[in-house]
């Protein structure tokens, strides 16, 4: 929800990749269930994969 507030839902069509970093199974299942309504690619990462998530979205120091 932080992303929706800071980026703005009106710009969601411009999203190319969305990374969800969590240690909660219910969030992981929720993302899987509702990923079809999210434009672009979405991927769930473990807490230990935060830096990988940043790189995957293009927001990390070492863009992939």
Protein backbone atom coordinates (compact mmCIF):
# COMPACT_ATOMS: atom_id res chain seq x y z
CA UNK A 1 0.00 0.00 0.00
CA UNK A 2 2.99 2.30 0.47
CA UNK A 3 3.65 2.06 -3.27
CA UNK A 4 0.09 3.01 -4.13
CA UNK A 5 0.32 6.07 -1.91
CA UNK A 6 3.72 7.29 -3.02
CA UNK A 7 3.55 6.47 -6.74
CA UNK A 8 -0.15 7.00 -7.16
CA UNK A 9 -2.68 4.56 -8.54
CA UNK A 10 -3.37 6.83 -11.51
CA UNK A 11 0.11 5.98 -12.84
CA UNK A 12 -0.28 2.20 -12.45
CA UNK A 13 -0.37 1.67 -16.23
CA UNK A 14 3.26 2.86 -16.32
CA UNK A 15 4.41 0.19 -13.86
CA UNK A 16 6.63 -2.36 -15.57
CA UNK A 17 7.75 -4.40 -12.57
CA UNK A 18 6.49 -4.59 -9.02
CA UNK A 19 8.44 -6.40 -6.31
CA UNK A 20 6.76 -7.47 -3.10
CA UNK A 21 9.19 -8.24 -0.29
CA UNK A 22 7.60 -10.15 2.57
CA UNK A 23 7.91 -12.96 5.06
CA UNK A 24 4.13 -13.49 5.30
CA UNK A 25 2.57 -16.43 3.47
CA UNK A 26 -0.86 -14.77 3.31
CA UNK A 27 0.64 -11.83 1.38
CA UNK A 28 2.41 -14.23 -0.98
CA UNK A 29 -0.91 -16.04 -1.62
CA UNK A 30 -2.77 -12.75 -2.03
CA UNK A 31 -0.31 -11.54 -4.63
CA UNK A 32 -0.68 -14.82 -6.52
CA UNK A 33 -4.47 -14.57 -6.42
CA UNK A 34 -4.69 -10.95 -7.57
CA UNK A 35 -1.64 -10.59 -9.81
CA UNK A 36 -3.88 -10.63 -12.89
CA UNK A 37 -5.19 -7.14 -12.01
CA UNK A 38 -1.71 -5.64 -11.64
CA UNK A 39 -0.18 -4.30 -14.84
CA UNK A 40 3.31 -5.47 -15.72
CA UNK A 41 5.29 -8.18 -13.97
CA UNK A 42 4.99 -8.88 -10.27
CA UNK A 43 7.30 -11.05 -8.22
CA UNK A 44 7.44 -11.92 -4.52
CA UNK A 45 10.78 -11.97 -2.73
CA UNK A 46 11.86 -13.12 0.74
CA UNK A 47 13.11 -10.50 3.21
CA UNK A 48 16.65 -11.73 2.66
CA UNK A 49 16.27 -10.95 -1.07
CA UNK A 50 15.60 -7.22 -0.68
CA UNK A 51 18.63 -6.15 -2.70
CA UNK A 52 17.77 -8.66 -5.45
CA UNK A 53 14.23 -7.24 -5.54
CA UNK A 54 15.60 -3.73 -5.98
CA UNK A 55 17.85 -4.83 -8.82
CA UNK A 56 15.02 -6.80 -10.46
CA UNK A 57 12.80 -3.71 -10.55
CA UNK A 58 15.58 -1.55 -11.91
CA UNK A 59 15.82 0.48 -8.73
CA UNK A 60 18.99 -1.10 -7.37
CA UNK A 61 22.51 0.18 -7.61
CA UNK A 62 23.44 -2.55 -10.08
CA UNK A 63 20.59 -2.47 -12.59
CA UNK A 64 20.06 -5.86 -14.21
